[in-house]
Amino acid sequence: MAVSAGRSTGSNRAYGANKGRKGAVSAARRPEVRLPPLVPYDGEGLEPDGDYDGVRFDGVDLADASGRGARFMDCALDGCSLDRAELARARFVDAVLTGVRGVGTDLAEASLRDVEVVDARLGGVQLHGAVLERVVVRGGKIDYLNLREARLKDVVFEGCVLSEPDFGGAHLVRVEFRDCVLKRADFSGARMESVDLRAVAELDIARGVDRLAGAVISPSQLMELAPALAAQIGVRVEA
């Protein structure tokens, strides 16, 4: 039995397997990425506003690369280094990123649609103001993920560790956290619609517990969050 952290709205009506269940949270629609035969990348670095269509980046060192505004369509990035890569306002469509690693990757205001991110090892990724639609982040560990003011729709975080992620001011619609760890998460000013937190392995909210309206949590999570919720509304609990 789930405990809804907020009022039920029309946007919380389930579809698919959940269709017809009163008050059920809507499941996220996952990407269906089917890549065509890809051409190995044989260049050096990236180009601002570059156009990469049907390209495989296999172990390419993209550290300090400047690809602001670049477009990646039907692409695969395998084992690439993204340290300090400049990818602000880049667009990823029908793309798979596997084993990418790096610190300080700049994806501010980027657009990710129908994208899979698998076993990433990233730190300080800047995705503020970005738009993510039908995205799965599976496995790996991301430290200090900055999603402030971002828009997430049909996004699944699965089996990954998110350490101090910042969702401040973000808009989350049909977002699922499954078997993942959320450490010191910041939801300050966030807006949520059909956000499923029930299957989180470890739920640690540093700020923004008052912004969980529109999310669904489990009874055990409610008990764990009770002190923070009580403090938020000014209730003092004494034996």
Foldseek 3Di string as FASTA:
>chain_A
DWDAPADDDPLQAEDDPRHPPPSHGYAFDAFDFDADQADEDDDAAEDAQAEAARYEDAQHENACGEHANHEYYSYEYELYEQALYHHDQYEYYSYEYEAYEYENHEHDQHEYERYEYEQYHYENYHHDNHEYGNYEYEAHEYEAAEHAQYEYGRYEYYNYEYAAYEPALYEYRNYEYAQYAYHQYEHHNYAAASYEPARHPYDHHNYDPVRSHRYMYHPVVCVVCVVVVCVVVVHDDDD
